[in-house]
Amino acid sequence: MDGALRLFSKDGVSATTLASLRDESGVSVGSFYHHFASKEHVFGVLYAETLDMYQEAFLAELRRHEKARDGVEAIVAMHMAWCGDHPERARLLITERPPRRHEPGGPEVAELRRAFFRRVAEWWRPHVEAGLLQPVPPTMCYVLWLGPAQEMCRLWFAGAHQPTPEEISALSRAAWHSLRQPTAEPTD
């Protein structure tokens, strides 16, 4: 799996061959097929494992914050830190299409997402009811919350720009301003 992560991160899933996966891991054809049906199977397992790691870090950080603004801003900072601490895994999540339901890893990814969004909604809902956060659907929430940070990570991983602490702080504030209720005090 470590070899697959290195290759997928460096070359992308489509450019990585089964032969290069076997060479990188040092396993025989028979040993490979004993554990995996295909390169896509390796990717599906790796993607689900990585998504689970990321979501657990996200939820652990979110649970640390009772206030809406603190939680929203902390998640952006956590996202950037997690991507910096796990660049190969972050590249996989950011640049590769997740496995679809009928593909290897797809059912696991779908279940991880369902459970994750339910847990985020449990944190989000009281803040909506208190008039602090907007009642946005999960996809829109993700786009407004982490879209700019994702784009910063794309630039970072492409070697085009190294984010500064000031820029990460600005991304955190921008996420808060895009998600808070317009009637909520900016300092909430």
Protein backbone atom coordinates (compact mmCIF):
# COMPACT_ATOMS: atom_id res chain seq x y z
CA MET A 1 0.00 0.00 0.00
CA ASP A 2 2.86 2.38 0.77
CA GLY A 3 4.34 1.76 -2.67
CA ALA A 4 0.96 2.31 -4.32
CA LEU A 5 0.53 5.55 -2.41
CA ARG A 6 3.92 6.79 -3.62
CA LEU A 7 3.21 5.89 -7.24
CA PHE A 8 -0.38 7.16 -7.30
CA SER A 9 0.74 10.41 -5.71
CA LYS A 10 3.65 10.90 -8.10
CA ASP A 11 2.20 9.63 -11.38
CA GLY A 12 -1.56 9.51 -10.81
CA VAL A 13 -3.69 6.39 -10.84
CA SER A 14 -4.25 6.28 -14.61
CA ALA A 15 -0.51 6.49 -15.39
CA THR A 16 0.49 3.91 -12.79
CA THR A 17 0.75 0.44 -14.24
CA LEU A 18 0.16 -2.87 -12.54
CA ALA A 19 3.77 -3.81 -13.32
CA SER A 20 5.05 -0.64 -11.63
CA LEU A 21 2.90 -1.38 -8.56
CA ARG A 22 4.36 -4.88 -8.32
CA ASP A 23 7.91 -3.58 -8.86
CA GLU A 24 7.47 -0.85 -6.23
CA SER A 25 6.11 -3.27 -3.67
CA GLY A 26 8.42 -6.14 -4.56
CA VAL A 27 5.60 -8.70 -4.75
CA SER A 28 5.07 -11.40 -7.32
CA VAL A 29 2.12 -11.49 -9.69
CA GLY A 30 0.55 -14.31 -7.69
CA SER A 31 1.01 -12.51 -4.40
CA PHE A 32 -0.49 -9.34 -5.83
CA TYR A 33 -3.56 -11.16 -7.13
CA HIS A 34 -3.93 -13.02 -3.84
CA HIS A 35 -4.68 -9.66 -2.17
CA PHE A 36 -6.06 -7.47 -4.97
CA ALA A 37 -8.11 -8.06 -8.09
CA SER A 38 -6.70 -5.05 -9.98
CA LYS A 39 -4.90 -1.74 -9.78
CA GLU A 40 -8.32 -0.14 -9.28
CA HIS A 41 -8.88 -2.40 -6.28
CA VAL A 42 -5.63 -1.14 -4.72
CA PHE A 43 -6.73 2.44 -5.41
CA GLY A 44 -10.20 1.87 -3.92
CA VAL A 45 -8.79 0.42 -0.71
CA LEU A 46 -6.18 3.17 -0.45
CA TYR A 47 -8.69 5.93 -1.17
CA ALA A 48 -11.14 4.64 1.47
CA GLU A 49 -8.33 4.29 4.03
CA THR A 50 -7.10 7.82 3.31
CA LEU A 51 -10.59 9.33 3.40
CA ASP A 52 -11.20 7.65 6.76
CA MET A 53 -7.94 9.09 8.15
CA TYR A 54 -8.82 12.58 6.96
CA GLN A 55 -12.40 12.44 8.21
CA GLU A 56 -11.31 11.23 11.66
CA ALA A 57 -8.86 14.15 11.93
CA PHE A 58 -11.57 16.56 10.75
CA LEU A 59 -14.15 15.30 13.25
CA ALA A 60 -11.65 15.24 16.13
CA GLU A 61 -10.82 18.89 15.43
CA LEU A 62 -14.46 19.88 15.01
CA ARG A 63 -15.43 18.28 18.35
CA ARG A 64 -12.83 20.45 20.09
CA HIS A 65 -14.82 23.59 19.25
CA GLU A 66 -18.19 24.58 20.65
CA LYS A 67 -18.38 28.00 19.01
CA ALA A 68 -19.36 28.18 15.34
CA ARG A 69 -16.63 30.55 14.25
CA ASP A 70 -13.92 28.68 16.13
CA GLY A 71 -14.97 25.40 14.53
CA VAL A 72 -15.23 26.74 11.00
CA GLU A 73 -11.88 28.49 11.14
CA ALA A 74 -10.10 25.62 12.93
CA ILE A 75 -11.18 23.14 10.27
CA VAL A 76 -9.56 25.20 7.51
CA ALA A 77 -6.31 25.35 9.48
CA MET A 78 -6.57 21.61 10.24
CA HIS A 79 -7.16 20.86 6.55
CA MET A 80 -4.04 22.75 5.52
CA ALA A 81 -1.96 21.17 8.29
CA TRP A 82 -3.22 17.66 7.46
CA CYS A 83 -2.37 18.16 3.79
CA GLY A 84 1.10 19.34 4.74
CA ASP A 85 1.61 16.40 7.11
CA HIS A 86 0.26 13.82 4.62
CA PRO A 87 1.05 15.24 1.15
CA GLU A 88 0.83 11.92 -0.73
CA ARG A 89 -2.53 11.06 0.82
CA ALA A 90 -3.80 14.62 0.36
CA ARG A 91 -2.83 14.53 -3.33
CA LEU A 92 -4.82 11.33 -3.69
CA LEU A 93 -7.94 12.91 -2.18
CA ILE A 94 -7.56 16.21 -4.02
CA THR A 95 -6.52 15.08 -7.49
CA GLU A 96 -8.14 11.67 -8.01
CA ARG A 97 -11.80 10.95 -8.64
CA PRO A 98 -13.25 8.92 -5.78
CA PRO A 99 -14.31 5.38 -6.62
CA ARG A 100 -17.95 5.15 -7.69
CA ARG A 101 -20.38 2.85 -5.89
CA HIS A 102 -19.90 0.00 -8.39
CA GLU A 103 -16.08 0.27 -8.35
CA PRO A 104 -13.69 -1.30 -5.81
CA GLY A 105 -13.76 0.81 -2.65
CA GLY A 106 -16.87 2.65 -3.81
CA PRO A 107 -19.31 1.19 -1.26
CA GLU A 108 -16.83 1.87 1.57
CA VAL A 109 -16.30 5.46 0.41
CA ALA A 110 -20.05 6.02 0.14
CA GLU A 111 -20.59 4.74 3.69
CA LEU A 112 -17.71 6.81 5.06
CA ARG A 113 -19.18 9.94 3.47
CA ARG A 114 -22.68 9.21 4.75
CA ALA A 115 -21.45 8.74 8.33
CA PHE A 116 -19.13 11.74 8.09
CA PHE A 117 -21.77 14.16 6.84
CA ARG A 118 -24.18 12.95 9.51
CA ARG A 119 -21.62 13.71 12.22
CA VAL A 120 -20.74 17.12 10.76
CA ALA A 121 -24.47 17.94 10.57
CA GLU A 122 -24.84 17.08 14.27
CA TRP A 123 -22.26 19.79 15.04
CA TRP A 124 -23.64 22.21 12.43
CA ARG A 125 -27.37 22.02 13.25
CA PRO A 126 -27.31 23.76 16.68
CA HIS A 127 -25.38 26.65 15.15
CA VAL A 128 -27.98 27.01 12.39
CA GLU A 129 -30.76 26.95 15.00
CA ALA A 130 -28.91 29.64 16.96
CA GLY A 131 -28.79 31.84 13.86
CA LEU A 132 -25.01 31.65 13.48
CA LEU A 133 -24.47 29.38 10.46
CA GLN A 134 -26.35 29.13 7.18
CA PRO A 135 -28.48 26.03 6.54
CA VAL A 136 -26.58 24.81 3.50
CA PRO A 137 -26.65 21.34 1.88
CA PRO A 138 -23.53 19.20 2.47
CA THR A 139 -21.99 19.76 -0.97
CA MET A 140 -22.40 23.53 -0.78
CA CYS A 141 -21.09 23.50 2.78
CA TYR A 142 -17.95 21.67 1.63
CA VAL A 143 -17.40 24.04 -1.30
CA LEU A 144 -17.79 27.18 0.82
CA TRP A 145 -15.85 25.78 3.77
CA LEU A 146 -12.86 24.16 2.08
CA GLY A 147 -13.00 25.07 -1.63
CA PRO A 148 -10.46 27.90 -1.43
CA ALA A 149 -8.19 25.83 0.84
CA GLN A 150 -8.39 22.93 -1.65
CA GLU A 151 -7.34 25.26 -4.45
CA MET A 152 -4.44 26.54 -2.34
CA CYS A 153 -3.39 22.91 -1.82
CA ARG A 154 -3.51 22.26 -5.57
CA LEU A 155 -1.12 25.17 -6.11
CA TRP A 156 1.05 23.97 -3.24
CA PHE A 157 1.29 20.40 -4.54
CA ALA A 158 2.00 21.65 -8.06
CA GLY A 159 4.96 23.60 -6.68
CA ALA A 160 3.40 26.91 -7.72
CA HIS A 161 2.96 28.43 -4.26
CA GLN A 162 3.84 27.67 -0.64
CA PRO A 163 1.00 28.91 1.61
CA THR A 164 2.01 31.22 4.42
CA PRO A 165 0.49 31.22 7.91
CA GLU A 166 -1.11 34.59 7.07
CA GLU A 167 -2.74 33.13 3.97
CA ILE A 168 -4.05 30.13 5.91
CA SER A 169 -5.50 32.51 8.48
CA ALA A 170 -7.11 34.53 5.68
CA LEU A 171 -8.62 31.34 4.22
CA SER A 172 -10.03 30.49 7.66
CA ARG A 173 -11.64 33.91 8.01
CA ALA A 174 -13.01 33.74 4.46
CA ALA A 175 -14.65 30.39 5.21
CA TRP A 176 -16.32 31.88 8.29
CA HIS A 177 -17.59 34.87 6.35
CA SER A 178 -19.02 32.66 3.59
CA LEU A 179 -20.80 30.30 6.00
CA ARG A 180 -22.07 32.54 8.79
CA GLN A 181 -25.59 33.88 8.77
CA PRO A 182 -25.54 37.44 7.42
CA THR A 183 -27.28 38.52 10.64
CA ALA A 184 -24.62 36.87 12.84
CA GLU A 185 -22.07 39.15 14.35
CA PRO A 186 -18.77 38.85 12.44
CA THR A 187 -16.97 38.13 15.72
CA ASP A 188 -19.20 35.17 16.76
